[in-house]
Amino acid sequence: MEHTTCLICDSSNLKELPDYSDAFLTKCQDCSFVFIKKIPSEDELFNFYDNNYDRTDYFSSITIKRYNELLDGFEKFRKTNNLLDVGAGNGFFLEIAKARGWNVYGTELTNQSVEVGERKDINMRKGCLHNVGFEENQFDVITSFEVIEHVNNPQKLIKEMHRVLRVGGKVYITTPNFNALLRYRLKSKYDVIEYPNHLCYFTKKTLRKAFSDAGFGVTKIKTTGISLTRIKTSKGKSNQAYVS
C-alpha cells in the first residue's frame, strides 16, 4: 500500500524524489513535506523494533546535564506535575525527571521497552499515543526525542498530544532536519534516510505547519549540530554505535 495524499496537508499533489527512490521518498508540492510513500504494515513495524532497532544501554554524563537543563526550563509549567515522554526508549529522560519529583509516564511499542521502564518505576503504556488511554488535559509537559520521524501518521500523533496536554502546557520534540547540511552533502547515502526506520522527514517549515495546524502555538524551532560519526557511518567508514 502507498500514501496517496500528504501526511500533513492532505494534498494529492505529490512528486516522488528520484534520487531517493530506494527509500520511497515523495514530496508534497503544496506544503513541501517529505515522507515515505510506501506504508509499512503494523506487523512490519513491530518486527523491526523488536528485532532490528538498537537502543543504547549507555547514558552519557553530557546527556544527563542536558536533560537537567531542559527540565529546569519546564519547572514553570508544573501544575498537574504530570510529564509524558512519547517513545521513552530505555527511560533515561524519565529517570531524571522522576528524581526531580515529576509524575512520569512513557509510551513505547515493544514489551521489552515497556518492561525496562516499569523496572525503573515509570508508568509505561504500550502502543501509539492515541490508543493508550490518557485523559484530556492530563499533562503539563510532553517530550518526544527522535520519535516523530518514525511515525506513519504524524498529524494523528500531534493532535493527540494537543488533546492530552493541558492548556498552557509545553511540548518539546527533537527530530532530524531534512534540510541538514549532511543530507545535502551525502544525498542518498545519508543514513538517516532509511525504510522502515524513518518515515517522515521534517524541515523547520513543515514542522511548524504540522504543529500549527493541530492547534499549537509554536514558540521556538532551532536547528543545531553536525555529527562526524554520521558522516563516517553514512560512508561505511565506521560502525560506531550511537549513544544516548
Protein backbone atom coordinates (compact mmCIF):
# COMPACT_ATOMS: atom_id res chain seq x y z
CA MET A 1 0.00 0.00 0.00
CA GLU A 2 1.01 3.60 -0.59
CA HIS A 3 0.01 7.02 0.67
CA THR A 4 -1.94 8.97 -1.93
CA THR A 5 -2.13 12.27 -0.03
CA CYS A 6 0.29 14.36 2.03
CA LEU A 7 0.59 13.33 5.69
CA ILE A 8 0.49 16.98 6.76
CA CYS A 9 -1.85 18.92 4.44
CA ASP A 10 -3.78 16.07 2.71
CA SER A 11 -2.86 17.35 -0.76
CA SER A 12 -2.72 14.78 -3.55
CA ASN A 13 -0.13 16.87 -5.38
CA LEU A 14 2.82 14.56 -4.68
CA LYS A 15 6.06 14.07 -6.54
CA GLU A 16 8.46 11.18 -5.98
CA LEU A 17 12.11 12.09 -5.38
CA PRO A 18 14.09 10.02 -7.91
CA ASP A 19 17.40 10.47 -6.09
CA TYR A 20 15.85 8.72 -3.08
CA SER A 21 13.81 6.05 -4.83
CA ASP A 22 15.34 3.23 -2.76
CA ALA A 23 13.75 4.80 0.32
CA PHE A 24 10.40 5.52 -1.43
CA LEU A 25 10.61 9.26 -0.70
CA THR A 26 7.95 11.60 -2.04
CA LYS A 27 7.44 15.33 -1.59
CA CYS A 28 4.23 17.31 -1.33
CA GLN A 29 4.26 20.04 -3.97
CA ASP A 30 1.91 22.19 -1.89
CA CYS A 31 3.46 22.23 1.62
CA SER A 32 6.93 20.72 0.83
CA PHE A 33 6.64 17.89 3.35
CA VAL A 34 8.84 14.87 2.53
CA PHE A 35 7.80 11.40 3.61
CA ILE A 36 7.98 7.74 2.65
CA LYS A 37 5.19 6.90 0.26
CA LYS A 38 5.18 3.19 0.99
CA ILE A 39 3.05 2.26 4.00
CA PRO A 40 4.68 -0.34 6.26
CA SER A 41 2.32 -2.78 7.90
CA GLU A 42 1.86 -2.73 11.66
CA ASP A 43 3.50 -6.17 11.85
CA GLU A 44 6.44 -4.90 9.82
CA LEU A 45 6.98 -2.02 12.24
CA PHE A 46 6.62 -4.11 15.39
CA ASN A 47 9.00 -6.73 13.99
CA PHE A 48 11.53 -4.05 13.07
CA TYR A 49 11.55 -2.51 16.53
CA ASP A 50 11.55 -5.89 18.26
CA ASN A 51 14.42 -7.35 16.23
CA ASN A 52 16.41 -4.68 14.40
CA TYR A 53 16.32 -1.48 16.43
CA ASP A 54 19.22 -0.96 18.82
CA ARG A 55 18.54 1.03 21.96
CA THR A 56 21.70 2.04 23.75
CA ASP A 57 22.37 1.00 27.33
CA TYR A 58 24.94 3.78 27.70
CA PHE A 59 23.76 7.02 29.26
CA SER A 60 26.37 9.77 28.92
CA SER A 61 27.11 12.36 31.60
CA ILE A 62 26.73 15.11 29.00
CA THR A 63 23.19 13.94 28.23
CA ILE A 64 22.33 13.90 31.95
CA LYS A 65 23.48 17.52 32.14
CA ARG A 66 21.42 18.49 29.08
CA TYR A 67 18.32 16.74 30.43
CA ASN A 68 18.61 18.66 33.69
CA GLU A 69 18.97 21.93 31.78
CA LEU A 70 15.83 21.04 29.82
CA LEU A 71 13.92 20.15 32.98
CA ASP A 72 14.99 23.45 34.56
CA GLY A 73 13.07 25.16 31.77
CA PHE A 74 9.99 23.00 32.40
CA GLU A 75 9.66 23.99 36.08
CA LYS A 76 7.42 26.97 35.29
CA PHE A 77 4.88 24.65 33.65
CA ARG A 78 4.25 22.46 36.73
CA LYS A 79 0.58 22.33 37.67
CA THR A 80 -0.62 18.74 37.44
CA ASN A 81 3.00 17.60 37.97
CA ASN A 82 2.49 15.04 35.17
CA LEU A 83 5.14 14.63 32.45
CA LEU A 84 4.89 12.31 29.45
CA ASP A 85 7.70 11.09 27.18
CA VAL A 86 6.37 9.66 23.91
CA GLY A 87 8.69 6.90 22.72
CA ALA A 88 10.55 6.73 26.02
CA GLY A 89 13.14 4.15 24.94
CA ASN A 90 15.11 2.97 27.96
CA GLY A 91 13.56 5.69 30.10
CA PHE A 92 16.72 7.72 30.67
CA PHE A 93 14.98 11.09 30.48
CA LEU A 94 12.11 9.99 32.68
CA GLU A 95 14.57 8.69 35.30
CA ILE A 96 15.98 12.20 35.63
CA ALA A 97 12.52 13.80 35.67
CA LYS A 98 11.31 11.34 38.32
CA ALA A 99 14.30 12.16 40.54
CA ARG A 100 13.20 15.79 40.34
CA GLY A 101 9.72 14.96 41.60
CA TRP A 102 7.67 14.67 38.39
CA ASN A 103 4.97 12.04 37.99
CA VAL A 104 6.43 10.36 34.91
CA TYR A 105 4.68 8.48 32.12
CA GLY A 106 6.06 6.90 28.96
CA THR A 107 4.89 5.14 25.81
CA GLU A 108 6.69 2.50 23.76
CA LEU A 109 5.84 -0.05 21.07
CA THR A 110 7.51 -3.17 22.40
CA ASN A 111 7.12 -5.29 25.50
CA GLN A 112 10.86 -5.13 26.10
CA SER A 113 10.94 -1.33 26.33
CA VAL A 114 7.81 -1.20 28.47
CA GLU A 115 9.34 -3.70 30.89
CA VAL A 116 12.58 -1.68 31.10
CA GLY A 117 10.59 1.42 32.03
CA GLU A 118 8.44 -0.39 34.56
CA ARG A 119 11.56 -1.72 36.32
CA LYS A 120 12.51 1.93 36.79
CA ASP A 121 9.08 2.61 38.35
CA ILE A 122 7.87 4.57 35.31
CA ASN A 123 4.18 4.42 34.39
CA MET A 124 4.53 2.87 30.93
CA ARG A 125 1.88 2.29 28.26
CA LYS A 126 2.40 0.03 25.25
CA GLY A 127 1.23 1.30 21.88
CA CYS A 128 0.73 4.51 19.92
CA LEU A 129 -0.25 7.60 21.89
CA HIS A 130 -3.81 7.71 20.55
CA ASN A 131 -4.67 4.23 21.83
CA VAL A 132 -3.10 4.05 25.29
CA GLY A 133 -5.89 5.77 27.19
CA PHE A 134 -4.52 9.02 28.59
CA GLU A 135 -7.04 11.62 29.74
CA GLU A 136 -7.68 15.02 28.21
CA ASN A 137 -5.54 17.80 29.72
CA GLN A 138 -3.57 15.26 31.76
CA PHE A 139 -0.03 16.57 31.26
CA ASP A 140 1.92 19.74 31.96
CA VAL A 141 4.76 18.72 29.65
CA ILE A 142 5.09 16.25 26.77
CA THR A 143 8.50 15.36 25.35
CA SER A 144 9.45 13.19 22.41
CA PHE A 145 13.10 12.71 21.43
CA GLU A 146 13.83 11.49 17.89
CA VAL A 147 10.42 9.81 17.57
CA ILE A 148 8.13 11.75 15.23
CA GLU A 149 10.21 10.75 12.20
CA HIS A 150 9.31 7.11 12.93
CA VAL A 151 5.55 7.75 12.85
CA ASN A 152 3.39 6.83 9.86
CA ASN A 153 0.66 9.37 10.72
CA PRO A 154 2.30 12.40 12.36
CA GLN A 155 -0.85 14.53 12.40
CA LYS A 156 -2.66 11.88 14.43
CA LEU A 157 0.17 11.91 16.96
CA ILE A 158 0.33 15.70 17.16
CA LYS A 159 -3.44 16.07 17.57
CA GLU A 160 -3.39 13.52 20.39
CA MET A 161 -0.57 15.45 22.05
CA HIS A 162 -2.79 18.51 21.87
CA ARG A 163 -5.69 16.63 23.48
CA VAL A 164 -3.76 15.21 26.44
CA LEU A 165 -1.71 18.36 27.11
CA ARG A 166 -3.32 20.87 29.43
CA VAL A 167 -3.98 24.38 28.18
CA GLY A 168 -0.79 26.37 28.65
CA GLY A 169 1.38 23.24 28.78
CA LYS A 170 4.53 22.57 26.80
CA VAL A 171 5.54 20.13 24.08
CA TYR A 172 9.24 19.65 23.33
CA ILE A 173 10.39 17.39 20.49
CA THR A 174 13.56 16.70 18.53
CA THR A 175 13.80 15.23 15.03
CA PRO A 176 16.32 15.12 12.16
CA ASN A 177 16.22 18.04 9.75
CA PHE A 178 15.77 17.04 6.09
CA ASN A 179 17.46 20.30 5.12
CA ALA A 180 20.55 19.39 7.14
CA LEU A 181 23.95 20.11 5.63
CA LEU A 182 24.79 16.41 5.87
CA ARG A 183 21.81 15.44 3.73
CA TYR A 184 22.84 17.91 1.03
CA ARG A 185 26.41 16.60 1.19
CA LEU A 186 25.71 12.87 1.44
CA LYS A 187 22.45 12.78 -0.55
CA SER A 188 21.04 9.24 -0.76
CA LYS A 189 23.97 7.87 1.27
CA TYR A 190 22.80 9.86 4.30
CA ASP A 191 21.89 7.01 6.61
CA VAL A 192 19.18 8.96 8.42
CA ILE A 193 17.10 8.12 5.34
CA GLU A 194 16.08 4.53 5.96
CA TYR A 195 12.90 2.48 5.48
CA PRO A 196 11.03 1.47 7.63
CA ASN A 197 13.03 3.16 10.39
CA HIS A 198 12.30 6.77 9.42
CA LEU A 199 9.00 7.51 7.69
CA CYS A 200 8.78 11.33 7.92
CA TYR A 201 11.41 13.96 7.12
CA PHE A 202 10.68 17.37 8.58
CA THR A 203 12.16 20.79 7.97
CA LYS A 204 11.63 23.89 10.10
CA LYS A 205 8.84 24.94 7.74
CA THR A 206 6.93 21.66 7.72
CA LEU A 207 7.38 21.04 11.45
CA ARG A 208 5.92 24.45 12.20
CA LYS A 209 2.98 23.80 9.87
CA ALA A 210 2.23 20.38 11.36
CA PHE A 211 2.01 21.72 14.92
CA SER A 212 0.25 24.95 13.99
CA ASP A 213 -2.41 23.06 12.04
CA ALA A 214 -3.06 20.90 15.11
CA GLY A 215 -3.77 23.97 17.27
CA PHE A 216 -0.39 24.58 18.87
CA GLY A 217 1.35 27.91 19.23
CA VAL A 218 4.93 27.29 18.10
CA THR A 219 7.32 29.26 20.29
CA LYS A 220 10.72 28.12 19.01
CA ILE A 221 12.33 25.91 16.37
CA LYS A 222 16.08 25.50 16.44
CA THR A 223 18.50 23.63 14.18
CA THR A 224 21.86 22.73 15.62
CA GLY A 225 24.76 20.32 15.50
CA ILE A 226 26.65 18.25 12.97
CA SER A 227 27.67 14.64 13.53
CA LEU A 228 31.11 13.47 12.42
CA THR A 229 30.05 9.95 13.36
CA ARG A 230 27.07 10.21 10.99
CA ILE A 231 29.38 11.19 8.14
CA LYS A 232 31.54 8.12 8.76
CA THR A 233 28.65 5.68 9.17
CA SER A 234 26.89 7.03 6.08
CA LYS A 235 30.05 6.44 4.05
CA GLY A 236 30.56 2.97 5.51
CA LYS A 237 33.77 4.04 7.25
CA SER A 238 32.53 3.36 10.77
CA ASN A 239 30.13 1.07 12.58
CA GLN A 240 30.32 3.05 15.80
CA ALA A 241 27.17 2.73 17.91
CA TYR A 242 25.18 5.84 18.69
CA VAL A 243 24.82 6.73 22.35
CA SER A 244 22.09 8.44 24.32
